[in-house]
Amino acid sequence: MSTAGRPIPDLTTRRAPGLGGFNMTILTLEVRRLLRNRRTLIFSIVLPVVFFLIFGLNPQYADESVGNGNVSAYVMISMALYGAILATTSGGAMVSTERAAGWSRQLRLTPLSPFAYVVIKMLTALVLGLGSVVAVYATGLITGKPSMSVQLWIITGLCVWIGSLVFAAFGLFMGYLLPTENVMQILSFALVLFAFGGGLFVPLDQMSELFQDIAVYTPLYGLNELVHAPLTGQAPTVTDVVNVLAWLAIFTGGAIWRFRRDTARV
């Protein structure tokens, strides 16, 4: 059949793309767009480096032994983790700008599934998180203060980077949940609370027993324990792993739920 001399396409033969529409072209475009945000890049890279220089090089305790390294190495890992979660959260939360521009609702016209979209956004945020980890570790290498084996440098760096995926999902979830005009202010405050609650800034063994009991349920507790485990020499516990996986599932599920609701609006 045809209309005005033009054949009508047989839509019954069309198939939806595999993997829910996920492809490297979309991922590449998202990464390029993220890297154009210089303010986010500078903030997520410079801040953790400054924190490491202030707290990780203090001559009063920097050379004290901690497991398979020293305190300076411990602080370096902590600041790299803080920078990575700050970066990935910021990268995920950029979806709030897209919502304001109406881009999210345009996606309902594409075959991109909610799950594929969330995965693309989380992987994009990981690129920004990698920059933060590299910056802090490079600073530690230049100063020469952190003491640990080459193997531990690599293992802890990878643990920090991959683990920050949890907060890429967190940023994406909050980007759909919170108002666009103040999303980063709220998230920055939340990350500070998570950092204290998870023992990232102050070791939990210096806190009260009640605080330690509560900390086990906070989003950063398990990740903080896992990334430091290779250095301290303490094997990760089931509680640590469950904490990370549970919060990853909560944040990812929340992001998918909010994406579906947002794109369902007319």
Protein backbone atom coordinates (compact mmCIF):
# COMPACT_ATOMS: atom_id res chain seq x y z
CA MET A 1 0.00 0.00 0.00
CA SER A 2 1.05 3.60 -0.49
CA THR A 3 -0.04 7.15 0.16
CA ALA A 4 0.56 9.83 -2.46
CA GLY A 5 2.83 7.43 -4.29
CA ARG A 6 4.91 6.69 -1.20
CA PRO A 7 5.04 3.22 0.33
CA ILE A 8 3.78 2.81 3.87
CA PRO A 9 6.41 1.16 6.08
CA ASP A 10 5.46 -2.12 7.68
CA LEU A 11 5.77 -1.28 11.37
CA THR A 12 5.11 -4.87 12.38
CA THR A 13 8.60 -5.83 11.22
CA ARG A 14 10.36 -3.23 13.36
CA ARG A 15 12.12 -4.46 16.46
CA ALA A 16 13.09 -2.59 19.59
CA PRO A 17 16.86 -2.19 20.01
CA GLY A 18 18.61 -4.57 22.33
CA LEU A 19 19.77 -3.74 25.86
CA GLY A 20 16.85 -1.36 26.28
CA GLY A 21 18.35 1.12 23.81
CA PHE A 22 21.76 1.28 25.52
CA ASN A 23 24.59 2.06 23.11
CA MET A 24 28.07 3.60 23.17
CA THR A 25 27.02 6.61 21.09
CA ILE A 26 24.63 7.83 23.77
CA LEU A 27 27.19 7.13 26.48
CA THR A 28 29.88 9.09 24.62
CA LEU A 29 27.59 12.08 24.13
CA GLU A 30 26.68 12.08 27.82
CA VAL A 31 30.35 11.98 28.86
CA ARG A 32 31.24 14.88 26.55
CA ARG A 33 28.39 16.95 27.90
CA LEU A 34 29.40 16.25 31.48
CA LEU A 35 33.03 17.22 30.89
CA ARG A 36 31.94 20.64 29.63
CA ASN A 37 30.74 21.52 33.14
CA ARG A 38 33.99 23.07 34.37
CA ARG A 39 32.61 24.24 37.70
CA THR A 40 31.64 20.70 38.68
CA LEU A 41 34.98 19.37 37.47
CA ILE A 42 37.00 21.86 39.49
CA PHE A 43 34.91 21.51 42.63
CA SER A 44 34.97 17.70 42.67
CA ILE A 45 38.71 17.50 41.95
CA VAL A 46 40.24 20.45 43.81
CA LEU A 47 38.31 20.12 47.11
CA PRO A 48 39.41 16.54 47.99
CA VAL A 49 43.01 17.36 47.00
CA VAL A 50 43.01 20.34 49.37
CA PHE A 51 41.55 18.20 52.15
CA PHE A 52 44.28 15.61 51.64
CA LEU A 53 47.01 18.27 51.74
CA ILE A 54 45.60 19.64 55.00
CA PHE A 55 44.87 16.39 56.85
CA GLY A 56 47.01 13.79 55.10
CA LEU A 57 50.36 15.56 55.43
CA ASN A 58 50.13 16.58 59.07
CA PRO A 59 53.57 15.70 60.53
CA GLN A 60 52.03 14.91 63.93
CA TYR A 61 50.45 11.68 62.72
CA ALA A 62 51.01 11.22 58.96
CA ASP A 63 53.80 8.65 59.40
CA GLU A 64 52.08 6.58 62.07
CA SER A 65 51.56 2.95 61.10
CA VAL A 66 48.12 1.72 60.01
CA GLY A 67 47.87 -1.92 58.92
CA ASN A 68 49.87 -2.27 55.71
CA GLY A 69 50.64 1.45 55.41
CA ASN A 70 50.48 4.69 57.32
CA VAL A 71 47.97 7.33 58.36
CA SER A 72 48.75 9.48 55.33
CA ALA A 73 47.74 6.61 53.04
CA TYR A 74 44.56 6.09 55.07
CA VAL A 75 43.62 9.76 54.76
CA MET A 76 44.42 9.72 51.04
CA ILE A 77 41.98 6.86 50.49
CA SER A 78 39.35 8.67 52.56
CA MET A 79 39.69 11.92 50.63
CA ALA A 80 39.69 10.10 47.29
CA LEU A 81 36.46 8.40 48.33
CA TYR A 82 34.91 11.69 49.41
CA GLY A 83 35.92 13.31 46.12
CA ALA A 84 34.62 10.35 44.13
CA ILE A 85 31.20 10.33 45.80
CA LEU A 86 31.01 14.12 45.47
CA ALA A 87 31.82 13.84 41.77
CA THR A 88 29.49 10.96 40.97
CA THR A 89 26.64 12.50 42.97
CA SER A 90 27.09 15.78 41.09
CA GLY A 91 27.19 13.94 37.78
CA GLY A 92 23.98 12.07 38.55
CA ALA A 93 22.21 15.14 39.89
CA MET A 94 22.72 16.98 36.59
CA VAL A 95 19.58 15.19 35.47
CA SER A 96 17.66 17.84 37.39
CA THR A 97 18.72 20.39 34.76
CA GLU A 98 17.48 18.07 32.02
CA ARG A 99 14.14 17.81 33.77
CA ALA A 100 13.79 21.58 33.89
CA ALA A 101 14.53 21.75 30.16
CA GLY A 102 11.92 19.06 29.40
CA TRP A 103 14.50 16.60 28.12
CA SER A 104 13.34 13.74 30.34
CA ARG A 105 9.84 13.88 28.91
CA GLN A 106 11.24 13.84 25.39
CA LEU A 107 12.85 10.50 26.16
CA ARG A 108 9.44 8.82 26.19
CA LEU A 109 9.55 9.17 22.38
CA THR A 110 12.68 7.02 22.21
CA PRO A 111 13.14 3.26 22.75
CA LEU A 112 15.51 3.95 25.66
CA SER A 113 14.31 1.96 28.68
CA PRO A 114 14.41 3.44 32.21
CA PHE A 115 17.00 0.89 33.30
CA ALA A 116 19.28 1.61 30.30
CA TYR A 117 18.96 5.34 30.90
CA VAL A 118 19.92 4.99 34.56
CA VAL A 119 22.90 2.80 33.66
CA ILE A 120 24.12 5.36 31.11
CA LYS A 121 23.86 8.17 33.63
CA MET A 122 25.66 6.15 36.31
CA LEU A 123 28.51 5.21 33.96
CA THR A 124 28.82 8.84 32.90
CA ALA A 125 29.11 9.95 36.51
CA LEU A 126 31.85 7.36 37.03
CA VAL A 127 34.01 9.22 34.51
CA LEU A 128 33.89 12.29 36.73
CA GLY A 129 34.58 10.14 39.78
CA LEU A 130 37.67 8.71 38.11
CA GLY A 131 39.09 12.21 37.69
CA SER A 132 38.75 12.85 41.40
CA VAL A 133 40.43 9.58 42.41
CA VAL A 134 43.32 10.15 39.99
CA ALA A 135 43.82 13.72 41.23
CA VAL A 136 44.03 12.72 44.92
CA TYR A 137 46.24 9.69 44.29
CA ALA A 138 48.52 11.69 42.00
CA THR A 139 48.89 14.32 44.73
CA GLY A 140 49.75 11.62 47.24
CA LEU A 141 52.32 10.15 44.86
CA ILE A 142 53.94 13.55 44.30
CA THR A 143 54.17 14.35 48.01
CA GLY A 144 55.60 10.91 48.77
CA LYS A 145 53.89 10.78 52.16
CA PRO A 146 51.43 7.88 51.76
CA SER A 147 53.21 4.59 52.42
CA MET A 148 51.81 1.37 50.98
CA SER A 149 52.76 -1.16 48.33
CA VAL A 150 52.16 -0.57 44.62
CA GLN A 151 49.56 -3.32 44.69
CA LEU A 152 47.61 -1.52 47.40
CA TRP A 153 47.75 1.77 45.49
CA ILE A 154 46.05 0.06 42.56
CA ILE A 155 43.57 -2.03 44.57
CA THR A 156 42.39 0.77 46.85
CA GLY A 157 42.10 3.20 43.93
CA LEU A 158 39.93 0.78 41.98
CA CYS A 159 37.80 0.03 45.05
CA VAL A 160 37.17 3.74 45.61
CA TRP A 161 36.31 4.39 41.96
CA ILE A 162 34.02 1.39 41.44
CA GLY A 163 32.41 1.82 44.84
CA SER A 164 31.45 5.42 44.03
CA LEU A 165 28.89 3.91 41.64
CA VAL A 166 26.54 3.77 44.63
CA PHE A 167 26.50 7.55 44.80
CA ALA A 168 26.10 7.97 41.07
CA ALA A 169 22.76 6.22 41.61
CA PHE A 170 22.12 8.41 44.66
CA GLY A 171 22.70 11.62 42.67
CA LEU A 172 20.44 10.41 39.88
CA PHE A 173 17.69 9.48 42.32
CA MET A 174 17.87 12.84 44.08
CA GLY A 175 18.08 14.69 40.77
CA TYR A 176 14.61 13.38 39.95
CA LEU A 177 13.29 13.81 43.46
CA LEU A 178 14.44 17.30 44.47
CA PRO A 179 13.76 20.77 43.03
CA THR A 180 16.23 21.85 40.35
CA GLU A 181 17.12 25.20 41.92
CA ASN A 182 18.65 23.80 45.12
CA VAL A 183 19.43 20.15 44.43
CA MET A 184 23.22 20.45 44.84
CA GLN A 185 22.98 22.47 48.06
CA ILE A 186 20.88 19.72 49.61
CA LEU A 187 23.08 16.95 48.26
CA SER A 188 26.31 18.58 49.45
CA PHE A 189 24.91 18.82 52.96
CA ALA A 190 23.68 15.21 52.78
CA LEU A 191 27.11 13.97 51.71
CA VAL A 192 28.76 15.70 54.65
CA LEU A 193 26.31 13.97 57.00
CA PHE A 194 26.93 10.63 55.30
CA ALA A 195 30.69 11.14 55.60
CA PHE A 196 30.47 11.76 59.34
CA GLY A 197 27.88 9.04 59.84
CA GLY A 198 29.93 6.47 57.91
CA GLY A 199 33.19 7.23 59.72
CA LEU A 200 34.91 8.82 56.74
CA PHE A 201 35.96 12.03 58.49
CA VAL A 202 36.18 10.76 62.07
CA PRO A 203 36.94 7.08 62.88
CA LEU A 204 33.91 5.36 64.37
CA ASP A 205 35.94 3.84 67.19
CA GLN A 206 36.21 7.36 68.58
CA MET A 207 32.44 7.69 68.70
CA SER A 208 29.90 6.45 71.23
CA GLU A 209 28.48 2.94 70.97
CA LEU A 210 25.07 4.35 70.04
CA PHE A 211 26.58 6.30 67.17
CA GLN A 212 28.46 3.20 65.98
CA ASP A 213 25.24 1.17 66.02
CA ILE A 214 23.46 3.77 63.91
CA ALA A 215 26.40 4.17 61.51
CA VAL A 216 26.03 0.59 60.26
CA TYR A 217 22.81 1.60 58.48
CA THR A 218 24.13 4.76 56.81
CA PRO A 219 24.88 4.81 53.03
CA LEU A 220 28.62 5.40 53.34
CA TYR A 221 29.45 2.97 56.14
CA GLY A 222 29.95 -0.22 54.12
CA LEU A 223 31.79 1.52 51.29
CA ASN A 224 34.13 3.26 53.71
CA GLU A 225 34.98 -0.04 55.36
CA LEU A 226 35.52 -1.86 52.06
CA VAL A 227 37.87 0.67 50.46
CA HIS A 228 40.09 0.79 53.57
CA ALA A 229 40.14 -2.98 54.13
CA PRO A 230 43.15 -3.68 51.86
CA LEU A 231 45.20 -1.10 53.78
CA THR A 232 44.13 -2.02 57.31
CA GLY A 233 44.41 -5.75 56.57
CA GLN A 234 40.98 -6.45 58.02
CA ALA A 235 38.74 -8.70 55.96
CA PRO A 236 35.43 -7.11 54.89
CA THR A 237 32.43 -8.32 56.84
CA VAL A 238 29.09 -9.49 55.51
CA THR A 239 27.57 -6.35 57.03
CA ASP A 240 29.85 -4.16 54.91
CA VAL A 241 28.93 -5.92 51.67
CA VAL A 242 25.21 -6.01 52.45
CA ASN A 243 25.26 -2.30 53.30
CA VAL A 244 26.79 -1.39 49.91
CA LEU A 245 24.54 -3.67 47.87
CA ALA A 246 21.41 -2.62 49.75
CA TRP A 247 21.98 1.10 49.23
CA LEU A 248 22.95 0.55 45.59
CA ALA A 249 19.67 -1.30 45.04
CA ILE A 250 17.67 1.38 46.88
CA PHE A 251 19.19 4.29 44.97
CA THR A 252 19.07 2.55 41.58
CA GLY A 253 15.49 1.40 42.11
CA GLY A 254 14.52 4.89 43.24
CA ALA A 255 16.11 6.46 40.16
CA ILE A 256 14.27 4.07 37.82
CA TRP A 257 10.98 4.69 39.64
CA ARG A 258 11.33 8.47 39.45
CA PHE A 259 12.41 8.33 35.80
CA ARG A 260 9.30 6.35 34.89
CA ARG A 261 7.04 8.77 36.75
CA ASP A 262 8.75 11.79 35.23
CA THR A 263 8.53 10.53 31.65
CA ALA A 264 4.93 9.41 32.14
CA ARG A 265 3.71 12.97 32.62
CA VAL A 266 2.15 14.71 29.67
